[in-house]
Structures are given as C-alpha cells and as structure tokens.
PDB file of N, CA and C in Angstrom:
ATOM      1  N   UNK A   1    -118.898  45.419  21.444  1.00  0.00           N
ATOM      2  CA  UNK A   1    -118.243  44.672  20.509  1.00  0.00           C
ATOM      3  C   UNK A   1    -118.610  44.703  18.919  1.00  0.00           C
ATOM      4  N   UNK A   2    -117.382  44.585  18.266  1.00  0.00           N
ATOM      5  CA  UNK A   2    -118.072  44.179  17.117  1.00  0.00           C
ATOM      6  C   UNK A   2    -118.218  42.804  16.473  1.00  0.00           C
ATOM      7  N   UNK A   3    -118.924  42.668  15.144  1.00  0.00           N
ATOM      8  CA  UNK A   3    -118.608  41.609  14.472  1.00  0.00           C
ATOM      9  C   UNK A   3    -117.452  41.299  13.833  1.00  0.00           C
ATOM     10  N   UNK A   4    -116.865  39.986  13.865  1.00  0.00           N
ATOM     11  CA  UNK A   4    -115.830  39.275  13.591  1.00  0.00           C
ATOM     12  C   UNK A   4    -116.165  39.016  11.711  1.00  0.00           C
ATOM     13  N   UNK A   5    -114.956  39.390  11.313  1.00  0.00           N
ATOM     14  CA  UNK A   5    -115.297  39.252   9.693  1.00  0.00           C
ATOM     15  C   UNK A   5    -115.419  37.964   9.450  1.00  0.00           C
ATOM     16  N   UNK A   6    -115.863  37.560   8.017  1.00  0.00           N
ATOM     17  CA  UNK A   6    -116.294  36.463   8.015  1.00  0.00           C
ATOM     18  C   UNK A   6    -114.720  36.225   6.451  1.00  0.00           C
ATOM     19  N   UNK A   7    -114.344  37.916   6.091  1.00  0.00           N
ATOM     20  CA  UNK A   7    -114.053  37.855   4.621  1.00  0.00           C
ATOM     21  C   UNK A   7    -112.075  37.140   4.860  1.00  0.00           C
ATOM     22  N   UNK A   8    -111.835  36.477   3.817  1.00  0.00           N
ATOM     23  CA  UNK A   8    -110.638  36.331   4.442  1.00  0.00           C
ATOM     24  C   UNK A   8    -109.607  37.080   4.007  1.00  0.00           C
ATOM     25  N   UNK A   9    -108.150  36.330   4.362  1.00  0.00           N
ATOM     26  CA  UNK A   9    -107.409  36.829   5.377  1.00  0.00           C
ATOM     27  C   UNK A   9    -106.616  37.867   4.474  1.00  0.00           C
ATOM     28  N   UNK A  10    -106.562  37.607   2.939  1.00  0.00           N
ATOM     29  CA  UNK A  10    -105.914  38.733   1.884  1.00  0.00           C
ATOM     30  C   UNK A  10    -106.960  39.729   2.013  1.00  0.00           C
ATOM     31  N   UNK A  11    -107.991  39.793   2.272  1.00  0.00           N
ATOM     32  CA  UNK A  11    -108.800  40.934   1.937  1.00  0.00           C
ATOM     33  C   UNK A  11    -108.425  41.679   3.098  1.00  0.00           C
ATOM     34  N   UNK A  12    -108.075  43.381   2.970  1.00  0.00           N
ATOM     35  CA  UNK A  12    -108.203  44.078   4.308  1.00  0.00           C
ATOM     36  C   UNK A  12    -107.231  43.835   5.009  1.00  0.00           C
ATOM     37  N   UNK A  13    -105.965  43.267   3.878  1.00  0.00           N
ATOM     38  CA  UNK A  13    -104.949  43.032   4.685  1.00  0.00           C
ATOM     39  C   UNK A  13    -104.032  43.764   5.603  1.00  0.00           C
ATOM     40  N   UNK A  14    -103.859  44.048   6.850  1.00  0.00           N
ATOM     41  CA  UNK A  14    -103.056  45.110   7.161  1.00  0.00           C
ATOM     42  C   UNK A  14    -101.803  45.322   6.899  1.00  0.00           C
ATOM     43  N   UNK A  15    -101.444  45.782   6.688  1.00  0.00           N
ATOM     44  CA  UNK A  15     -99.218  46.129   6.198  1.00  0.00           C
ATOM     45  C   UNK A  15     -98.538  45.112   7.384  1.00  0.00           C
ATOM     46  N   UNK A  16     -97.916  44.585   6.808  1.00  0.00           N
ATOM     47  CA  UNK A  16     -96.496  44.276   7.535  1.00  0.00           C
ATOM     48  C   UNK A  16     -95.842  44.893   8.404  1.00  0.00           C
ATOM     49  N   UNK A  17     -95.988  44.632   9.570  1.00  0.00           N
ATOM     50  CA  UNK A  17     -95.480  45.312  10.997  1.00  0.00           C
ATOM     51  C   UNK A  17     -93.778  44.633  10.021  1.00  0.00           C
ATOM     52  N   UNK A  18     -92.863  45.934  10.367  1.00  0.00           N
ATOM     53  CA  UNK A  18     -91.996  46.573  10.287  1.00  0.00           C
ATOM     54  C   UNK A  18     -90.407  45.582  10.868  1.00  0.00           C
ATOM     55  N   UNK A  19     -91.894  45.179  11.762  1.00  0.00           N
ATOM     56  CA  UNK A  19     -90.337  44.552  12.958  1.00  0.00           C
ATOM     57  C   UNK A  19     -90.662  43.323  12.991  1.00  0.00           C
ATOM     58  N   UNK A  20     -92.188  42.893  12.140  1.00  0.00           N
ATOM     59  CA  UNK A  20     -91.868  41.434  11.345  1.00  0.00           C
ATOM     60  C   UNK A  20     -91.599  40.774  10.152  1.00  0.00           C
ATOM     61  N   UNK A  21     -90.937  41.878   9.418  1.00  0.00           N
ATOM     62  CA  UNK A  21     -90.962  41.921   7.825  1.00  0.00           C
ATOM     63  C   UNK A  21     -89.300  40.668   7.631  1.00  0.00           C
ATOM     64  N   UNK A  22     -89.149  40.322   7.102  1.00  0.00           N
ATOM     65  CA  UNK A  22     -88.309  39.736   6.413  1.00  0.00           C
ATOM     66  C   UNK A  22     -87.871  39.901   5.139  1.00  0.00           C
ATOM     67  N   UNK A  23     -88.154  41.020   4.850  1.00  0.00           N
ATOM     68  CA  UNK A  23     -87.519  42.227   4.026  1.00  0.00           C
ATOM     69  C   UNK A  23     -85.507  42.597   4.614  1.00  0.00           C
ATOM     70  N   UNK A  24     -85.005  42.191   3.754  1.00  0.00           N
ATOM     71  CA  UNK A  24     -83.445  42.580   3.786  1.00  0.00           C
ATOM     72  C   UNK A  24     -83.042  44.028   4.536  1.00  0.00           C
ATOM     73  N   UNK A  25     -84.091  45.109   3.337  1.00  0.00           N
ATOM     74  CA  UNK A  25     -83.831  46.103   3.655  1.00  0.00           C
ATOM     75  C   UNK A  25     -84.757  46.857   4.705  1.00  0.00           C
ATOM     76  N   UNK A  26     -85.604  46.322   5.459  1.00  0.00           N
ATOM     77  CA  UNK A  26     -86.038  47.107   6.257  1.00  0.00           C
ATOM     78  C   UNK A  26     -85.756  45.955   7.369  1.00  0.00           C
ATOM     79  N   UNK A  27     -84.823  45.373   7.456  1.00  0.00           N
ATOM     80  CA  UNK A  27     -83.852  44.598   8.695  1.00  0.00           C
ATOM     81  C   UNK A  27     -82.597  45.679   8.889  1.00  0.00           C
ATOM     82  N   UNK A  28     -81.987  46.077   7.333  1.00  0.00           N
ATOM     83  CA  UNK A  28     -80.975  47.025   7.631  1.00  0.00           C
ATOM     84  C   UNK A  28     -81.201  48.046   7.940  1.00  0.00           C
ATOM     85  N   UNK A  29     -82.413  48.747   7.658  1.00  0.00           N
ATOM     86  CA  UNK A  29     -82.396  50.178   8.221  1.00  0.00           C
ATOM     87  C   UNK A  29     -83.112  50.439   9.151  1.00  0.00           C
ATOM     88  N   UNK A  30     -83.641  49.032  10.198  1.00  0.00           N
ATOM     89  CA  UNK A  30     -83.886  48.968  11.369  1.00  0.00           C
ATOM     90  C   UNK A  30     -82.828  49.439  12.432  1.00  0.00           C
ATOM     91  N   UNK A  31     -81.678  48.352  11.860  1.00  0.00           N
ATOM     92  CA  UNK A  31     -80.272  47.763  12.796  1.00  0.00           C
ATOM     93  C   UNK A  31     -80.172  49.199  12.452  1.00  0.00           C
ATOM     94  N   UNK A  32     -79.517  49.946  11.656  1.00  0.00           N
ATOM     95  CA  UNK A  32     -78.788  51.202  11.418  1.00  0.00           C
ATOM     96  C   UNK A  32     -79.308  51.703  12.084  1.00  0.00           C
ATOM     97  N   UNK A  33     -80.804  52.197  12.196  1.00  0.00           N
ATOM     98  CA  UNK A  33     -81.551  53.429  13.098  1.00  0.00           C
ATOM     99  C   UNK A  33     -81.810  52.673  14.623  1.00  0.00           C
ATOM    100  N   UNK A  34     -81.444  51.289  14.997  1.00  0.00           N
ATOM    101  CA  UNK A  34     -81.101  51.041  16.345  1.00  0.00           C
ATOM    102  C   UNK A  34     -79.761  51.468  16.879  1.00  0.00           C
ATOM    103  N   UNK A  35     -78.415  51.412  16.052  1.00  0.00           N
ATOM    104  CA  UNK A  35     -77.388  51.778  15.918  1.00  0.00           C
ATOM    105  C   UNK A  35     -77.450  53.172  16.410  1.00  0.00           C
ATOM    106  N   UNK A  36     -77.489  53.931  15.277  1.00  0.00           N
ATOM    107  CA  UNK A  36     -77.332  55.563  15.660  1.00  0.00           C
ATOM    108  C   UNK A  36     -78.252  56.083  17.123  1.00  0.00           C
ATOM    109  N   UNK A  37     -79.311  55.301  17.013  1.00  0.00           N
ATOM    110  CA  UNK A  37     -80.230  55.314  18.416  1.00  0.00           C
ATOM    111  C   UNK A  37     -79.330  55.019  19.391  1.00  0.00           C
ATOM    112  N   UNK A  38     -78.219  54.287  19.691  1.00  0.00           N
ATOM    113  CA  UNK A  38     -77.911  54.343  21.039  1.00  0.00           C
ATOM    114  C   UNK A  38     -76.363  54.956  20.914  1.00  0.00           C
ATOM    115  N   UNK A  39     -75.989  55.746  19.787  1.00  0.00           N
ATOM    116  CA  UNK A  39     -74.956  56.626  20.097  1.00  0.00           C
ATOM    117  C   UNK A  39     -75.690  57.854  20.722  1.00  0.00           C
ATOM    118  N   UNK A  40     -76.723  58.298  20.171  1.00  0.00           N
ATOM    119  CA  UNK A  40     -77.713  59.266  21.058  1.00  0.00           C
ATOM    120  C   UNK A  40     -77.895  59.132  22.883  1.00  0.00           C
ATOM    121  N   UNK A  41     -78.302  58.073  22.534  1.00  0.00           N
ATOM    122  CA  UNK A  41     -78.475  57.489  23.878  1.00  0.00           C
ATOM    123  C   UNK A  41     -77.097  57.392  24.653  1.00  0.00           C
ATOM    124  N   UNK A  42     -76.023  57.186  24.259  1.00  0.00           N
ATOM    125  CA  UNK A  42     -74.807  57.384  25.422  1.00  0.00           C
ATOM    126  C   UNK A  42     -74.053  58.538  25.252  1.00  0.00           C
ATOM    127  N   UNK A  43     -74.302  59.756  24.345  1.00  0.00           N
ATOM    128  CA  UNK A  43     -73.379  60.306  24.059  1.00  0.00           C
ATOM    129  C   UNK A  43     -73.864  62.052  23.764  1.00  0.00           C
ATOM    130  N   UNK A  44     -75.355  61.858  24.665  1.00  0.00           N
ATOM    131  CA  UNK A  44     -75.901  63.314  24.398  1.00  0.00           C
ATOM    132  C   UNK A  44     -75.121  64.576  24.462  1.00  0.00           C
ATOM    133  N   UNK A  45     -74.197  64.731  25.010  1.00  0.00           N
ATOM    134  CA  UNK A  45     -73.429  66.087  25.296  1.00  0.00           C
ATOM    135  C   UNK A  45     -73.034  65.701  24.102  1.00  0.00           C
ATOM    136  N   UNK A  46     -72.188  65.354  23.536  1.00  0.00           N
ATOM    137  CA  UNK A  46     -71.468  65.096  22.494  1.00  0.00           C
ATOM    138  C   UNK A  46     -72.228  65.033  21.477  1.00  0.00           C
ATOM    139  N   UNK A  47     -73.200  64.999  21.231  1.00  0.00           N
ATOM    140  CA  UNK A  47     -74.107  65.188  20.082  1.00  0.00           C
ATOM    141  C   UNK A  47     -74.347  66.127  20.039  1.00  0.00           C
ATOM    142  N   UNK A  48     -74.895  67.157  21.039  1.00  0.00           N
ATOM    143  CA  UNK A  48     -75.549  68.396  21.043  1.00  0.00           C
ATOM    144  C   UNK A  48     -74.667  69.300  20.629  1.00  0.00           C
ATOM    145  N   UNK A  49     -73.542  69.170  21.647  1.00  0.00           N
ATOM    146  CA  UNK A  49     -72.227  70.151  20.957  1.00  0.00           C
ATOM    147  C   UNK A  49     -71.795  69.942  19.394  1.00  0.00           C
ATOM    148  N   UNK A  50     -71.841  68.998  19.517  1.00  0.00           N
ATOM    149  CA  UNK A  50     -71.049  68.547  17.754  1.00  0.00           C
ATOM    150  C   UNK A  50     -72.460  69.372  16.410  1.00  0.00           C
ATOM    151  N   UNK A  51     -73.817  69.326  17.251  1.00  0.00           N
ATOM    152  CA  UNK A  51     -74.323  70.075  16.099  1.00  0.00           C
ATOM    153  C   UNK A  51     -74.478  71.240  16.449  1.00  0.00           C
ATOM    154  N   UNK A  52     -74.367  71.660  17.687  1.00  0.00           N
ATOM    155  CA  UNK A  52     -74.091  73.370  17.902  1.00  0.00           C
ATOM    156  C   UNK A  52     -73.001  73.948  17.590  1.00  0.00           C
ATOM    157  N   UNK A  53     -72.117  72.949  17.118  1.00  0.00           N
ATOM    158  CA  UNK A  53     -70.837  74.002  16.410  1.00  0.00           C
ATOM    159  C   UNK A  53     -69.802  73.185  15.007  1.00  0.00           C
ATOM    160  N   UNK A  54     -70.879  72.638  14.930  1.00  0.00           N
ATOM    161  CA  UNK A  54     -70.721  71.850  13.782  1.00  0.00           C
ATOM    162  C   UNK A  54     -69.519  70.771  13.328  1.00  0.00           C
ATOM    163  N   UNK A  55     -68.895  70.047  14.602  1.00  0.00           N
ATOM    164  CA  UNK A  55     -68.159  68.910  14.775  1.00  0.00           C
ATOM    165  C   UNK A  55     -68.627  67.497  15.546  1.00  0.00           C
ATOM    166  N   UNK A  56     -69.841  67.486  14.666  1.00  0.00           N
ATOM    167  CA  UNK A  56     -70.363  66.143  14.707  1.00  0.00           C
ATOM    168  C   UNK A  56     -69.721  65.003  14.380  1.00  0.00           C
ATOM    169  N   UNK A  57     -68.916  64.986  13.217  1.00  0.00           N
ATOM    170  CA  UNK A  57     -68.377  64.212  12.667  1.00  0.00           C
ATOM    171  C   UNK A  57     -66.988  63.856  13.521  1.00  0.00           C
ATOM    172  N   UNK A  58     -66.697  64.838  13.517  1.00  0.00           N
ATOM    173  CA  UNK A  58     -65.434  64.362  14.317  1.00  0.00           C
ATOM    174  C   UNK A  58     -65.517  63.918  15.893  1.00  0.00           C
ATOM    175  N   UNK A  59     -66.408  64.083  16.644  1.00  0.00           N
ATOM    176  CA  UNK A  59     -66.385  64.348  18.264  1.00  0.00           C
ATOM    177  C   UNK A  59     -66.990  63.148  17.943  1.00  0.00           C
ATOM    178  N   UNK A  60     -68.055  62.367  17.473  1.00  0.00           N
ATOM    179  CA  UNK A  60     -68.456  60.747  16.649  1.00  0.00           C
ATOM    180  C   UNK A  60     -67.681  59.696  16.507  1.00  0.00           C
ATOM    181  N   UNK A  61     -66.677  60.563  15.856  1.00  0.00           N
ATOM    182  CA  UNK A  61     -66.437  58.953  14.966  1.00  0.00           C
ATOM    183  C   UNK A  61     -66.039  58.207  15.245  1.00  0.00           C
ATOM    184  N   UNK A  62     -65.207  57.886  16.547  1.00  0.00           N
ATOM    185  CA  UNK A  62     -65.322  56.262  16.897  1.00  0.00           C
ATOM    186  C   UNK A  62     -66.142  55.768  17.372  1.00  0.00           C
ATOM    187  N   UNK A  63     -67.321  56.423  17.566  1.00  0.00           N
ATOM    188  CA  UNK A  63     -69.012  55.867  17.828  1.00  0.00           C
ATOM    189  C   UNK A  63     -69.423  55.368  16.904  1.00  0.00           C
ATOM    190  N   UNK A  64     -69.485  56.590  15.527  1.00  0.00           N
ATOM    191  CA  UNK A  64     -69.358  56.249  14.354  1.00  0.00           C
ATOM    192  C   UNK A  64     -69.098  54.839  13.686  1.00  0.00           C
ATOM    193  N   UNK A  65     -67.895  54.789  13.807  1.00  0.00           N
ATOM    194  CA  UNK A  65     -67.056  53.738  13.252  1.00  0.00           C
ATOM    195  C   UNK A  65     -67.240  52.495  14.193  1.00  0.00           C
ATOM    196  N   UNK A  66     -67.841  52.338  15.249  1.00  0.00           N
ATOM    197  CA  UNK A  66     -67.495  50.974  15.911  1.00  0.00           C
ATOM    198  C   UNK A  66     -69.544  50.989  15.607  1.00  0.00           C
ATOM    199  N   UNK A  67     -70.034  51.280  15.329  1.00  0.00           N
ATOM    200  CA  UNK A  67     -71.718  51.157  14.942  1.00  0.00           C
ATOM    201  C   UNK A  67     -71.658  50.597  13.341  1.00  0.00           C
ATOM    202  N   UNK A  68     -70.698  51.247  12.447  1.00  0.00           N
ATOM    203  CA  UNK A  68     -70.563  51.175  11.262  1.00  0.00           C
ATOM    204  C   UNK A  68     -70.308  49.339  11.122  1.00  0.00           C
ATOM    205  N   UNK A  69     -69.332  49.663  12.107  1.00  0.00           N
ATOM    206  CA  UNK A  69     -68.266  47.868  11.872  1.00  0.00           C
ATOM    207  C   UNK A  69     -69.429  47.032  12.293  1.00  0.00           C
ATOM    208  N   UNK A  70     -70.164  47.300  13.795  1.00  0.00           N
ATOM    209  CA  UNK A  70     -71.441  46.208  13.935  1.00  0.00           C
ATOM    210  C   UNK A  70     -72.313  45.971  12.969  1.00  0.00           C
ATOM    211  N   UNK A  71     -72.413  46.958  12.357  1.00  0.00           N
ATOM    212  CA  UNK A  71     -73.661  46.982  11.226  1.00  0.00           C
ATOM    213  C   UNK A  71     -73.695  45.838   9.788  1.00  0.00           C
ATOM    214  N   UNK A  72     -72.431  46.400   9.261  1.00  0.00           N
ATOM    215  CA  UNK A  72     -71.784  45.677   8.353  1.00  0.00           C
ATOM    216  C   UNK A  72     -71.563  43.803   8.558  1.00  0.00           C
ATOM    217  N   UNK A  73     -71.193  43.964  10.295  1.00  0.00           N
ATOM    218  CA  UNK A  73     -70.760  42.191  10.407  1.00  0.00           C
ATOM    219  C   UNK A  73     -72.419  41.609  10.876  1.00  0.00           C
ATOM    220  N   UNK A  74     -73.171  42.587  10.876  1.00  0.00           N
ATOM    221  CA  UNK A  74     -74.597  41.702  10.937  1.00  0.00           C
ATOM    222  C   UNK A  74     -74.951  41.523   9.542  1.00  0.00           C
ATOM    223  N   UNK A  75     -75.394  42.891   8.601  1.00  0.00           N
ATOM    224  CA  UNK A  75     -75.866  42.532   7.382  1.00  0.00           C
ATOM    225  C   UNK A  75     -75.248  42.022   6.315  1.00  0.00           C
ATOM    226  N   UNK A  76     -73.683  42.049   6.649  1.00  0.00           N
ATOM    227  CA  UNK A  76     -72.574  42.069   5.459  1.00  0.00           C
ATOM    228  C   UNK A  76     -72.212  43.311   4.526  1.00  0.00           C
ATOM    229  N   UNK A  77     -70.883  43.025   4.384  1.00  0.00           N
ATOM    230  CA  UNK A  77     -69.889  44.576   3.984  1.00  0.00           C
ATOM    231  C   UNK A  77     -71.101  44.993   2.678  1.00  0.00           C
ATOM    232  N   UNK A  78     -71.060  43.989   1.837  1.00  0.00           N
ATOM    233  CA  UNK A  78     -71.272  44.591  -0.009  1.00  0.00           C
ATOM    234  C   UNK A  78     -72.597  44.998   0.670  1.00  0.00           C
ATOM    235  N   UNK A  79     -73.447  44.350   0.505  1.00  0.00           N
ATOM    236  CA  UNK A  79     -75.266  44.785   1.450  1.00  0.00           C
ATOM    237  C   UNK A  79     -74.905  46.180   2.027  1.00  0.00           C
ATOM    238  N   UNK A  80     -73.893  46.210   2.969  1.00  0.00           N
ATOM    239  CA  UNK A  80     -73.747  47.868   3.271  1.00  0.00           C
ATOM    240  C   UNK A  80     -73.373  48.648   2.550  1.00  0.00           C
ATOM    241  N   UNK A  81     -72.968  48.388   2.100  1.00  0.00           N
ATOM    242  CA  UNK A  81     -72.288  49.343   0.756  1.00  0.00           C
ATOM    243  C   UNK A  81     -72.868  49.488  -0.551  1.00  0.00           C
ATOM    244  N   UNK A  82     -73.708  48.906  -0.382  1.00  0.00           N
ATOM    245  CA  UNK A  82     -74.764  49.087  -2.055  1.00  0.00           C
ATOM    246  C   UNK A  82     -75.641  49.875  -1.374  1.00  0.00           C
ATOM    247  N   UNK A  83     -76.030  50.181  -0.176  1.00  0.00           N
ATOM    248  CA  UNK A  83     -77.448  50.964   0.063  1.00  0.00           C
ATOM    249  C   UNK A  83     -76.985  52.166   0.474  1.00  0.00           C
ATOM    250  N   UNK A  84     -77.848  52.733   1.640  1.00  0.00           N
ATOM    251  CA  UNK A  84     -77.516  54.266   1.782  1.00  0.00           C
ATOM    252  C   UNK A  84     -78.176  54.260   3.461  1.00  0.00           C
ATOM    253  N   UNK A  85     -78.684  52.751   3.883  1.00  0.00           N
ATOM    254  CA  UNK A  85     -79.562  52.847   5.207  1.00  0.00           C
ATOM    255  C   UNK A  85     -78.723  53.361   6.037  1.00  0.00           C
ATOM    256  N   UNK A  86     -77.355  52.701   6.589  1.00  0.00           N
ATOM    257  CA  UNK A  86     -76.451  53.715   7.703  1.00  0.00           C
ATOM    258  C   UNK A  86     -76.444  55.388   7.690  1.00  0.00           C
ATOM    259  N   UNK A  87     -75.956  55.747   6.556  1.00  0.00           N
ATOM    260  CA  UNK A  87     -75.788  57.049   6.088  1.00  0.00           C
ATOM    261  C   UNK A  87     -77.174  57.643   6.072  1.00  0.00           C
ATOM    262  N   UNK A  88     -78.454  57.507   5.987  1.00  0.00           N
ATOM    263  CA  UNK A  88     -79.908  57.820   6.327  1.00  0.00           C
ATOM    264  C   UNK A  88     -79.899  57.942   7.896  1.00  0.00           C
ATOM    265  N   UNK A  89     -79.191  57.100   7.956  1.00  0.00           N
ATOM    266  CA  UNK A  89     -79.735  57.063   9.779  1.00  0.00           C
ATOM    267  C   UNK A  89     -78.916  57.783  10.653  1.00  0.00           C
ATOM    268  N   UNK A  90     -77.987  58.417  10.195  1.00  0.00           N
ATOM    269  CA  UNK A  90     -76.999  59.056  10.721  1.00  0.00           C
ATOM    270  C   UNK A  90     -77.752  60.700  10.131  1.00  0.00           C
ATOM    271  N   UNK A  91     -78.040  61.144   9.253  1.00  0.00           N
ATOM    272  CA  UNK A  91     -78.401  61.636   8.652  1.00  0.00           C
ATOM    273  C   UNK A  91     -79.712  62.531   9.385  1.00  0.00           C
ATOM    274  N   UNK A  92     -80.628  61.136  10.018  1.00  0.00           N
ATOM    275  CA  UNK A  92     -81.681  61.356  10.265  1.00  0.00           C
ATOM    276  C   UNK A  92     -81.812  61.267  11.732  1.00  0.00           C
ATOM    277  N   UNK A  93     -81.516  60.382  12.613  1.00  0.00           N
ATOM    278  CA  UNK A  93     -81.378  60.416  14.145  1.00  0.00           C
ATOM    279  C   UNK A  93     -80.067  60.727  14.226  1.00  0.00           C
ATOM    280  N   UNK A  94     -78.972  61.002  14.064  1.00  0.00           N
ATOM    281  CA  UNK A  94     -77.791  61.948  15.142  1.00  0.00           C
ATOM    282  C   UNK A  94     -77.857  63.012  14.441  1.00  0.00           C
ATOM    283  N   UNK A  95     -78.127  63.651  12.845  1.00  0.00           N
ATOM    284  CA  UNK A  95     -77.567  64.737  12.603  1.00  0.00           C
ATOM    285  C   UNK A  95     -79.369  65.542  13.037  1.00  0.00           C
ATOM    286  N   UNK A  96     -80.485  65.464  12.930  1.00  0.00           N
ATOM    287  CA  UNK A  96     -81.297  65.718  13.356  1.00  0.00           C
ATOM    288  C   UNK A  96     -82.097  65.842  12.084  1.00  0.00           C
ATOM    289  N   UNK A  97     -82.113  65.255  11.066  1.00  0.00           N
ATOM    290  CA  UNK A  97     -82.880  65.604   9.775  1.00  0.00           C
ATOM    291  C   UNK A  97     -81.640  66.460   8.959  1.00  0.00           C
ATOM    292  N   UNK A  98     -80.390  67.127   9.171  1.00  0.00           N
ATOM    293  CA  UNK A  98     -79.940  67.888   8.453  1.00  0.00           C
ATOM    294  C   UNK A  98     -79.012  66.630   7.935  1.00  0.00           C
ATOM    295  N   UNK A  99     -78.317  67.123   6.273  1.00  0.00           N
ATOM    296  CA  UNK A  99     -77.758  66.257   5.714  1.00  0.00           C
ATOM    297  C   UNK A  99     -76.528  66.114   5.874  1.00  0.00           C
ATOM    298  N   UNK A 100     -75.933  65.680   6.620  1.00  0.00           N
ATOM    299  CA  UNK A 100     -74.121  65.707   7.045  1.00  0.00           C
ATOM    300  C   UNK A 100     -73.113  64.614   7.109  1.00  0.00           C
ATOM    301  N   UNK A 101     -73.869  63.892   6.714  1.00  0.00           N
ATOM    302  CA  UNK A 101     -73.254  62.264   6.469  1.00  0.00           C
ATOM    303  C   UNK A 101     -73.166  61.606   4.840  1.00  0.00           C
TER     304      UNK A 101
END
C-alpha cells in the first residue's frame, strides 16, 4: 500500500476524463463517434460491402443522414457546420481511417 500524497490536488493533477468534460468540442466529438459507431454496429454488412466496392457513401446515405440530423439536434446546427467532428468520425470510424467524407 502506497502512502497518500499530501500534495494539493492541483499538483500532479490527472488529465480531465473526456467523458466528464464540459468542453463542447469534446462532447461533439464523442457524440459524433457514438452515432457513427452505431451505424457500424447496426449495418456491418453494408459497411463491409461499401468499403470493398467503394460505395460506402451511397449504401449508408440514409443512415448517415439520420445520424447527422440527431447530431445537429443535440449540438446545434451552427456548431455542427462550423466543425469537422462528424466528418472526422465518418472517416475514422465508418471508413476505417480513409478520407472518404
């Protein structure tokens, strides 16, 4: 068992847990990734087919549209349009790191 530190909490402070962050950018990134992850979870065959055939955007157009609408409803249209968080999530999560969106 290690002795407890008597240093003030500000010293050696751990990084803020992004899930507890009040930063709007962190929240928007997290929401975008969650929504896009849901597309992958619910439509794995479409995703695999789209990646294989280069038709990802076309095959998942409706699902992407619905997810983006949910995203803008939650974070606001102006904020959504002024950032690339949703697009980044599409590229990172749905397209497996390829810049397709």
